[in-house]
Amino acid sequence: MIFQKIWSYLTFKKEKNSKSNFNLKMMHGMNKISLFMFLIAMVVMMFKFCK
C-alpha cells in the first residue's frame, strides 16, 4: 500500500480512492501559474545575461 502511494506520487497518477476537491484543484492551478511565471523569468534572465 505504501509503495503504491509513493509510486503514484512519482508518476503523477491519481489513486483509485482519492477524491478531487476544490482546494486540490486550486492548488494545481496555482502550481501551473507559478511554473509558467518561473519559465518566463528564466527566459528573461537568459536574454538579459546573454547581451
Protein backbone atom coordinates (compact mmCIF):
# COMPACT_ATOMS: atom_id res chain seq x y z
CA MET A 1 0.00 0.00 0.00
CA ILE A 2 2.77 2.45 0.92
CA PHE A 3 4.70 1.61 -2.25
CA GLN A 4 1.59 2.22 -4.37
CA LYS A 5 1.22 5.66 -2.78
CA ILE A 6 4.89 6.52 -3.40
CA TRP A 7 4.66 5.24 -6.98
CA SER A 8 1.54 7.36 -7.60
CA TYR A 9 3.40 10.45 -6.30
CA LEU A 10 6.39 9.75 -8.55
CA THR A 11 4.33 9.06 -11.66
CA PHE A 12 1.74 11.82 -11.01
CA LYS A 13 -1.13 9.34 -11.18
CA LYS A 14 -4.23 9.64 -9.03
CA GLU A 15 -5.05 6.95 -6.54
CA LYS A 16 -8.22 4.99 -7.12
CA ASN A 17 -9.91 6.10 -3.91
CA SER A 18 -8.77 9.72 -3.91
CA LYS A 19 -11.39 12.40 -4.36
CA SER A 20 -10.71 15.64 -6.18
CA ASN A 21 -11.95 18.64 -4.23
CA PHE A 22 -11.94 22.39 -4.77
CA ASN A 23 -8.80 23.05 -2.71
CA LEU A 24 -6.81 20.48 -4.65
CA LYS A 25 -7.92 21.97 -7.98
CA MET A 26 -6.93 25.46 -6.82
CA MET A 27 -3.54 24.19 -5.62
CA HIS A 28 -2.84 22.64 -9.03
CA GLY A 29 -3.93 25.85 -10.74
CA MET A 30 -1.57 27.92 -8.60
CA ASN A 31 1.26 25.48 -9.31
CA LYS A 32 0.68 25.84 -13.07
CA ILE A 33 0.73 29.64 -12.78
CA SER A 34 3.93 29.64 -10.71
CA LEU A 35 5.64 27.24 -13.12
CA PHE A 36 4.65 29.44 -16.06
CA MET A 37 5.98 32.56 -14.29
CA PHE A 38 9.23 30.74 -13.46
CA LEU A 39 9.74 29.79 -17.11
CA ILE A 40 9.10 33.36 -18.23
CA ALA A 41 11.60 34.64 -15.65
CA MET A 42 14.22 32.16 -16.86
CA VAL A 43 13.78 33.32 -20.47
CA VAL A 44 14.06 36.98 -19.41
CA MET A 45 17.21 36.23 -17.41
CA MET A 46 18.75 34.38 -20.34
CA PHE A 47 18.15 37.35 -22.64
CA LYS A 48 19.45 39.77 -20.03
CA PHE A 49 22.70 37.88 -19.35
CA CYS A 50 23.41 36.97 -22.98
CA LYS A 51 23.60 40.56 -24.21
